[in-house]
Amino acid sequence: MVLLLSLWMDEVKLLGVKIDKQQISDICKKTSTQVNALSRLRYVANKESKNIMYKTYIQSNFNYCSTIWHFCSSKSTIKLEKLNKRALRIVLINDDSSYHDLLRISENRCLFSKRREGIIKTVYKCTHNIAPSYLRDLFEFRNALMITRCKNYL
Protein backbone atom coordinates (compact mmCIF):
# COMPACT_ATOMS: atom_id res chain seq x y z
CA MET A 1 0.00 0.00 0.00
CA VAL A 2 2.78 2.44 0.90
CA LEU A 3 4.61 1.72 -2.34
CA LEU A 4 1.48 2.37 -4.37
CA LEU A 5 0.85 5.63 -2.54
CA SER A 6 4.41 6.77 -3.14
CA LEU A 7 3.87 6.59 -6.90
CA TRP A 8 1.29 9.38 -6.72
CA MET A 9 2.52 11.36 -3.74
CA ASP A 10 5.73 13.28 -3.10
CA GLU A 11 5.94 11.94 0.44
CA VAL A 12 4.33 9.32 2.61
CA LYS A 13 3.94 9.77 6.35
CA LEU A 14 3.93 6.49 8.28
CA LEU A 15 3.81 6.54 12.10
CA GLY A 16 5.08 10.12 12.09
CA VAL A 17 8.02 9.36 9.80
CA LYS A 18 8.11 10.88 6.35
CA ILE A 19 9.58 8.40 3.95
CA ASP A 20 11.51 10.80 1.75
CA LYS A 21 14.40 13.25 1.87
CA GLN A 22 12.36 15.70 3.96
CA GLN A 23 12.67 13.43 7.04
CA ILE A 24 16.31 14.38 7.64
CA SER A 25 15.50 18.07 7.32
CA ASP A 26 12.65 17.70 9.81
CA ILE A 27 14.90 15.84 12.27
CA CYS A 28 17.61 18.50 11.97
CA LYS A 29 15.13 21.35 12.38
CA LYS A 30 13.52 19.85 15.48
CA THR A 31 16.83 18.80 17.02
CA SER A 32 18.44 22.15 16.30
CA THR A 33 15.79 24.00 18.29
CA GLN A 34 16.31 21.55 21.16
CA VAL A 35 20.10 22.02 20.99
CA ASN A 36 19.57 25.79 21.12
CA ALA A 37 17.44 25.37 24.24
CA LEU A 38 20.14 23.18 25.77
CA SER A 39 22.79 25.77 24.93
CA ARG A 40 20.95 28.33 27.05
CA LEU A 41 21.51 25.96 29.98
CA ARG A 42 25.16 25.38 29.08
CA TYR A 43 26.65 27.03 32.16
CA VAL A 44 23.62 26.76 34.44
CA ALA A 45 22.94 23.01 34.57
CA ASN A 46 25.53 20.50 35.74
CA LYS A 47 27.08 17.91 33.43
CA GLU A 48 24.87 15.02 34.60
CA SER A 49 21.67 16.99 34.04
CA LYS A 50 22.76 18.09 30.57
CA ASN A 51 23.75 14.52 29.71
CA ILE A 52 20.30 13.26 30.74
CA MET A 53 18.64 16.02 28.69
CA TYR A 54 20.86 15.14 25.73
CA LYS A 55 20.02 11.43 25.87
CA THR A 56 16.28 11.85 26.37
CA TYR A 57 15.53 15.12 24.61
CA ILE A 58 17.97 15.19 21.68
CA GLN A 59 19.30 11.70 21.03
CA SER A 60 15.78 10.28 20.83
CA ASN A 61 15.24 12.34 17.65
CA PHE A 62 18.21 10.63 16.02
CA ASN A 63 17.01 7.16 17.06
CA TYR A 64 13.29 7.30 16.27
CA CYS A 65 12.59 4.99 13.30
CA SER A 66 16.18 5.37 12.17
CA THR A 67 16.06 1.99 10.46
CA ILE A 68 13.70 3.47 7.90
CA TRP A 69 15.79 6.49 6.96
CA HIS A 70 19.26 4.99 7.64
CA PHE A 71 20.10 4.77 3.95
CA CYS A 72 19.95 8.52 3.42
CA SER A 73 22.56 10.37 1.41
CA SER A 74 26.06 10.94 2.76
CA LYS A 75 25.32 14.67 2.79
CA SER A 76 22.38 14.07 5.13
CA THR A 77 24.48 11.77 7.33
CA ILE A 78 27.14 14.46 7.69
CA LYS A 79 24.45 17.01 8.54
CA LEU A 80 23.14 14.78 11.35
CA GLU A 81 26.63 14.07 12.70
CA LYS A 82 27.45 17.79 12.77
CA LEU A 83 24.32 18.48 14.76
CA ASN A 84 25.22 15.71 17.19
CA LYS A 85 28.72 17.16 17.50
CA ARG A 86 27.25 20.56 18.34
CA ALA A 87 25.03 19.02 21.03
CA LEU A 88 27.96 17.12 22.56
CA ARG A 89 30.07 20.30 22.65
CA ILE A 90 27.33 21.96 24.69
CA VAL A 91 26.84 19.02 27.05
CA LEU A 92 30.57 18.60 27.70
CA ILE A 93 31.43 22.33 27.54
CA ASN A 94 34.23 21.43 25.17
CA ASP A 95 34.80 23.57 22.08
CA ASP A 96 38.29 22.30 21.26
CA SER A 97 38.04 18.52 20.89
CA SER A 98 37.30 16.64 17.69
CA TYR A 99 34.03 14.80 17.17
CA HIS A 100 35.80 11.48 17.75
CA ASP A 101 37.16 12.73 21.10
CA LEU A 102 33.73 14.08 22.12
CA LEU A 103 32.19 10.69 21.40
CA ARG A 104 34.91 8.95 23.41
CA ILE A 105 34.55 11.32 26.38
CA SER A 106 30.76 10.93 26.40
CA GLU A 107 31.07 7.15 25.92
CA ASN A 108 28.98 7.30 22.74
CA ARG A 109 29.31 6.13 19.15
CA CYS A 110 28.57 8.05 15.98
CA LEU A 111 24.96 8.12 14.82
CA PHE A 112 25.70 6.04 11.72
CA SER A 113 27.12 3.22 13.87
CA LYS A 114 24.11 3.32 16.18
CA ARG A 115 21.70 3.08 13.26
CA ARG A 116 23.67 0.20 11.75
CA GLU A 117 23.67 -1.59 15.12
CA GLY A 118 19.90 -1.17 15.32
CA ILE A 119 19.47 -2.79 11.91
CA ILE A 120 21.76 -5.68 12.87
CA LYS A 121 19.83 -6.24 16.11
CA THR A 122 16.54 -6.28 14.22
CA VAL A 123 17.84 -8.82 11.70
CA TYR A 124 19.24 -10.97 14.53
CA LYS A 125 15.90 -10.93 16.34
CA CYS A 126 14.07 -11.86 13.14
CA THR A 127 16.40 -14.75 12.34
CA HIS A 128 16.19 -16.12 15.90
CA ASN A 129 12.39 -15.81 16.22
CA ILE A 130 12.60 -13.13 18.90
CA ALA A 131 11.00 -10.36 16.82
CA PRO A 132 7.25 -10.03 16.27
CA SER A 133 5.80 -12.04 13.39
CA TYR A 134 5.09 -8.95 11.25
CA LEU A 135 8.85 -8.32 11.14
CA ARG A 136 9.87 -11.96 10.76
CA ASP A 137 7.53 -12.29 7.79
CA LEU A 138 9.60 -9.72 5.91
CA PHE A 139 12.47 -12.21 5.63
CA GLU A 140 12.53 -15.22 3.39
CA PHE A 141 14.89 -18.06 4.24
CA ARG A 142 16.33 -20.41 1.66
CA ASN A 143 18.16 -23.62 2.27
CA ALA A 144 21.88 -23.65 1.59
CA LEU A 145 23.00 -25.60 -1.45
CA MET A 146 26.33 -26.51 0.13
CA ILE A 147 27.14 -27.88 3.57
CA THR A 148 28.29 -24.95 5.67
CA ARG A 149 28.06 -23.91 9.30
CA CYS A 150 24.83 -22.06 8.60
CA LYS A 151 21.71 -23.97 7.56
CA ASN A 152 19.65 -21.10 6.17
CA TYR A 153 20.39 -17.88 4.38
CA LEU A 154 18.29 -14.80 4.04
C-alpha atoms as a PDB file:
ATOM      1  CA  MET A   1       0.000   0.000   0.000  1.00  0.00           C
ATOM      2  CA  VAL A   2       2.785   2.436   0.899  1.00  0.00           C
ATOM      3  CA  LEU A   3       4.608   1.716  -2.341  1.00  0.00           C
ATOM      4  CA  LEU A   4       1.478   2.370  -4.368  1.00  0.00           C
ATOM      5  CA  LEU A   5       0.852   5.625  -2.545  1.00  0.00           C
ATOM      6  CA  SER A   6       4.407   6.771  -3.145  1.00  0.00           C
ATOM      7  CA  LEU A   7       3.868   6.587  -6.903  1.00  0.00           C
ATOM      8  CA  TRP A   8       1.287   9.384  -6.724  1.00  0.00           C
ATOM      9  CA  MET A   9       2.524  11.364  -3.744  1.00  0.00           C
ATOM     10  CA  ASP A  10       5.726  13.282  -3.104  1.00  0.00           C
ATOM     11  CA  GLU A  11       5.941  11.943   0.436  1.00  0.00           C
ATOM     12  CA  VAL A  12       4.330   9.316   2.608  1.00  0.00           C
ATOM     13  CA  LYS A  13       3.943   9.767   6.345  1.00  0.00           C
ATOM     14  CA  LEU A  14       3.930   6.495   8.281  1.00  0.00           C
ATOM     15  CA  LEU A  15       3.815   6.542  12.103  1.00  0.00           C
ATOM     16  CA  GLY A  16       5.075  10.115  12.094  1.00  0.00           C
ATOM     17  CA  VAL A  17       8.021   9.356   9.796  1.00  0.00           C
ATOM     18  CA  LYS A  18       8.109  10.885   6.353  1.00  0.00           C
ATOM     19  CA  ILE A  19       9.581   8.405   3.952  1.00  0.00           C
ATOM     20  CA  ASP A  20      11.506  10.800   1.749  1.00  0.00           C
ATOM     21  CA  LYS A  21      14.399  13.255   1.873  1.00  0.00           C
ATOM     22  CA  GLN A  22      12.359  15.696   3.959  1.00  0.00           C
ATOM     23  CA  GLN A  23      12.667  13.433   7.037  1.00  0.00           C
ATOM     24  CA  ILE A  24      16.315  14.376   7.643  1.00  0.00           C
ATOM     25  CA  SER A  25      15.502  18.075   7.322  1.00  0.00           C
ATOM     26  CA  ASP A  26      12.653  17.698   9.813  1.00  0.00           C
ATOM     27  CA  ILE A  27      14.897  15.843  12.272  1.00  0.00           C
ATOM     28  CA  CYS A  28      17.606  18.495  11.965  1.00  0.00           C
ATOM     29  CA  LYS A  29      15.127  21.351  12.378  1.00  0.00           C
ATOM     30  CA  LYS A  30      13.516  19.851  15.477  1.00  0.00           C
ATOM     31  CA  THR A  31      16.832  18.800  17.025  1.00  0.00           C
ATOM     32  CA  SER A  32      18.443  22.149  16.304  1.00  0.00           C
ATOM     33  CA  THR A  33      15.786  23.999  18.287  1.00  0.00           C
ATOM     34  CA  GLN A  34      16.310  21.554  21.160  1.00  0.00           C
ATOM     35  CA  VAL A  35      20.097  22.016  20.993  1.00  0.00           C
ATOM     36  CA  ASN A  36      19.572  25.785  21.120  1.00  0.00           C
ATOM     37  CA  ALA A  37      17.438  25.366  24.239  1.00  0.00           C
ATOM     38  CA  LEU A  38      20.144  23.179  25.774  1.00  0.00           C
ATOM     39  CA  SER A  39      22.791  25.769  24.929  1.00  0.00           C
ATOM     40  CA  ARG A  40      20.954  28.333  27.045  1.00  0.00           C
ATOM     41  CA  LEU A  41      21.510  25.961  29.982  1.00  0.00           C
ATOM     42  CA  ARG A  42      25.160  25.384  29.081  1.00  0.00           C
ATOM     43  CA  TYR A  43      26.653  27.030  32.161  1.00  0.00           C
ATOM     44  CA  VAL A  44      23.616  26.764  34.443  1.00  0.00           C
ATOM     45  CA  ALA A  45      22.943  23.010  34.575  1.00  0.00           C
ATOM     46  CA  ASN A  46      25.528  20.504  35.742  1.00  0.00           C
ATOM     47  CA  LYS A  47      27.085  17.908  33.425  1.00  0.00           C
ATOM     48  CA  GLU A  48      24.872  15.019  34.599  1.00  0.00           C
ATOM     49  CA  SER A  49      21.668  16.989  34.040  1.00  0.00           C
ATOM     50  CA  LYS A  50      22.758  18.092  30.566  1.00  0.00           C
ATOM     51  CA  ASN A  51      23.747  14.522  29.707  1.00  0.00           C
ATOM     52  CA  ILE A  52      20.295  13.259  30.742  1.00  0.00           C
ATOM     53  CA  MET A  53      18.642  16.017  28.686  1.00  0.00           C
ATOM     54  CA  TYR A  54      20.857  15.139  25.726  1.00  0.00           C
ATOM     55  CA  LYS A  55      20.021  11.427  25.871  1.00  0.00           C
ATOM     56  CA  THR A  56      16.281  11.855  26.375  1.00  0.00           C
ATOM     57  CA  TYR A  57      15.533  15.116  24.608  1.00  0.00           C
ATOM     58  CA  ILE A  58      17.972  15.193  21.678  1.00  0.00           C
ATOM     59  CA  GLN A  59      19.303  11.700  21.027  1.00  0.00           C
ATOM     60  CA  SER A  60      15.778  10.284  20.834  1.00  0.00           C
ATOM     61  CA  ASN A  61      15.242  12.337  17.653  1.00  0.00           C
ATOM     62  CA  PHE A  62      18.211  10.631  16.019  1.00  0.00           C
ATOM     63  CA  ASN A  63      17.014   7.155  17.055  1.00  0.00           C
ATOM     64  CA  TYR A  64      13.293   7.305  16.272  1.00  0.00           C
ATOM     65  CA  CYS A  65      12.585   4.994  13.302  1.00  0.00           C
ATOM     66  CA  SER A  66      16.179   5.372  12.173  1.00  0.00           C
ATOM     67  CA  THR A  67      16.062   1.985  10.464  1.00  0.00           C
ATOM     68  CA  ILE A  68      13.698   3.469   7.897  1.00  0.00           C
ATOM     69  CA  TRP A  69      15.792   6.488   6.965  1.00  0.00           C
ATOM     70  CA  HIS A  70      19.260   4.989   7.642  1.00  0.00           C
ATOM     71  CA  PHE A  71      20.095   4.772   3.955  1.00  0.00           C
ATOM     72  CA  CYS A  72      19.946   8.516   3.424  1.00  0.00           C
ATOM     73  CA  SER A  73      22.559  10.375   1.407  1.00  0.00           C
ATOM     74  CA  SER A  74      26.055  10.937   2.764  1.00  0.00           C
ATOM     75  CA  LYS A  75      25.322  14.671   2.791  1.00  0.00           C
ATOM     76  CA  SER A  76      22.384  14.065   5.130  1.00  0.00           C
ATOM     77  CA  THR A  77      24.476  11.766   7.332  1.00  0.00           C
ATOM     78  CA  ILE A  78      27.140  14.458   7.689  1.00  0.00           C
ATOM     79  CA  LYS A  79      24.450  17.009   8.542  1.00  0.00           C
ATOM     80  CA  LEU A  80      23.140  14.781  11.351  1.00  0.00           C
ATOM     81  CA  GLU A  81      26.631  14.066  12.701  1.00  0.00           C
ATOM     82  CA  LYS A  82      27.455  17.795  12.771  1.00  0.00           C
ATOM     83  CA  LEU A  83      24.320  18.479  14.758  1.00  0.00           C
ATOM     84  CA  ASN A  84      25.219  15.707  17.191  1.00  0.00           C
ATOM     85  CA  LYS A  85      28.723  17.159  17.499  1.00  0.00           C
ATOM     86  CA  ARG A  86      27.246  20.557  18.335  1.00  0.00           C
ATOM     87  CA  ALA A  87      25.031  19.015  21.028  1.00  0.00           C
ATOM     88  CA  LEU A  88      27.961  17.122  22.561  1.00  0.00           C
ATOM     89  CA  ARG A  89      30.072  20.299  22.651  1.00  0.00           C
ATOM     90  CA  ILE A  90      27.327  21.959  24.688  1.00  0.00           C
ATOM     91  CA  VAL A  91      26.843  19.025  27.050  1.00  0.00           C
ATOM     92  CA  LEU A  92      30.569  18.601  27.702  1.00  0.00           C
ATOM     93  CA  ILE A  93      31.427  22.335  27.537  1.00  0.00           C
ATOM     94  CA  ASN A  94      34.231  21.431  25.167  1.00  0.00           C
ATOM     95  CA  ASP A  95      34.803  23.575  22.083  1.00  0.00           C
ATOM     96  CA  ASP A  96      38.286  22.302  21.261  1.00  0.00           C
ATOM     97  CA  SER A  97      38.043  18.518  20.887  1.00  0.00           C
ATOM     98  CA  SER A  98      37.304  16.642  17.688  1.00  0.00           C
ATOM     99  CA  TYR A  99      34.034  14.800  17.169  1.00  0.00           C
ATOM    100  CA  HIS A 100      35.801  11.479  17.749  1.00  0.00           C
ATOM    101  CA  ASP A 101      37.157  12.734  21.097  1.00  0.00           C
ATOM    102  CA  LEU A 102      33.734  14.079  22.119  1.00  0.00           C
ATOM    103  CA  LEU A 103      32.189  10.689  21.403  1.00  0.00           C
ATOM    104  CA  ARG A 104      34.906   8.947  23.407  1.00  0.00           C
ATOM    105  CA  ILE A 105      34.554  11.318  26.379  1.00  0.00           C
ATOM    106  CA  SER A 106      30.758  10.929  26.402  1.00  0.00           C
ATOM    107  CA  GLU A 107      31.069   7.153  25.916  1.00  0.00           C
ATOM    108  CA  ASN A 108      28.976   7.303  22.736  1.00  0.00           C
ATOM    109  CA  ARG A 109      29.312   6.130  19.146  1.00  0.00           C
ATOM    110  CA  CYS A 110      28.565   8.050  15.977  1.00  0.00           C
ATOM    111  CA  LEU A 111      24.961   8.116  14.824  1.00  0.00           C
ATOM    112  CA  PHE A 112      25.699   6.041  11.724  1.00  0.00           C
ATOM    113  CA  SER A 113      27.119   3.216  13.875  1.00  0.00           C
ATOM    114  CA  LYS A 114      24.113   3.319  16.179  1.00  0.00           C
ATOM    115  CA  ARG A 115      21.703   3.082  13.258  1.00  0.00           C
ATOM    116  CA  ARG A 116      23.672   0.200  11.751  1.00  0.00           C
ATOM    117  CA  GLU A 117      23.671  -1.588  15.118  1.00  0.00           C
ATOM    118  CA  GLY A 118      19.901  -1.167  15.317  1.00  0.00           C
ATOM    119  CA  ILE A 119      19.466  -2.793  11.913  1.00  0.00           C
ATOM    120  CA  ILE A 120      21.759  -5.678  12.873  1.00  0.00           C
ATOM    121  CA  LYS A 121      19.827  -6.240  16.114  1.00  0.00           C
ATOM    122  CA  THR A 122      16.541  -6.280  14.219  1.00  0.00           C
ATOM    123  CA  VAL A 123      17.836  -8.825  11.697  1.00  0.00           C
ATOM    124  CA  TYR A 124      19.240 -10.970  14.525  1.00  0.00           C
ATOM    125  CA  LYS A 125      15.901 -10.934  16.337  1.00  0.00           C
ATOM    126  CA  CYS A 126      14.074 -11.861  13.144  1.00  0.00           C
ATOM    127  CA  THR A 127      16.395 -14.746  12.339  1.00  0.00           C
ATOM    128  CA  HIS A 128      16.194 -16.119  15.902  1.00  0.00           C
ATOM    129  CA  ASN A 129      12.389 -15.809  16.222  1.00  0.00           C
ATOM    130  CA  ILE A 130      12.598 -13.128  18.897  1.00  0.00           C
ATOM    131  CA  ALA A 131      11.000 -10.359  16.824  1.00  0.00           C
ATOM    132  CA  PRO A 132       7.246 -10.027  16.266  1.00  0.00           C
ATOM    133  CA  SER A 133       5.801 -12.035  13.391  1.00  0.00           C
ATOM    134  CA  TYR A 134       5.088  -8.946  11.253  1.00  0.00           C
ATOM    135  CA  LEU A 135       8.847  -8.318  11.141  1.00  0.00           C
ATOM    136  CA  ARG A 136       9.871 -11.958  10.764  1.00  0.00           C
ATOM    137  CA  ASP A 137       7.528 -12.293   7.790  1.00  0.00           C
ATOM    138  CA  LEU A 138       9.595  -9.719   5.907  1.00  0.00           C
ATOM    139  CA  PHE A 139      12.469 -12.207   5.634  1.00  0.00           C
ATOM    140  CA  GLU A 140      12.530 -15.218   3.389  1.00  0.00           C
ATOM    141  CA  PHE A 141      14.889 -18.057   4.245  1.00  0.00           C
ATOM    142  CA  ARG A 142      16.335 -20.406   1.665  1.00  0.00           C
ATOM    143  CA  ASN A 143      18.162 -23.625   2.271  1.00  0.00           C
ATOM    144  CA  ALA A 144      21.883 -23.646   1.590  1.00  0.00           C
ATOM    145  CA  LEU A 145      23.003 -25.603  -1.451  1.00  0.00           C
ATOM    146  CA  MET A 146      26.327 -26.511   0.129  1.00  0.00           C
ATOM    147  CA  ILE A 147      27.144 -27.880   3.572  1.00  0.00           C
ATOM    148  CA  THR A 148      28.286 -24.948   5.671  1.00  0.00           C
ATOM    149  CA  ARG A 149      28.065 -23.910   9.303  1.00  0.00           C
ATOM    150  CA  CYS A 150      24.830 -22.056   8.597  1.00  0.00           C
ATOM    151  CA  LYS A 151      21.706 -23.975   7.558  1.00  0.00           C
ATOM    152  CA  ASN A 152      19.650 -21.100   6.172  1.00  0.00           C
ATOM    153  CA  TYR A 153      20.395 -17.883   4.379  1.00  0.00           C
ATOM    154  CA  LEU A 154      18.292 -14.804   4.041  1.00  0.00           C
END
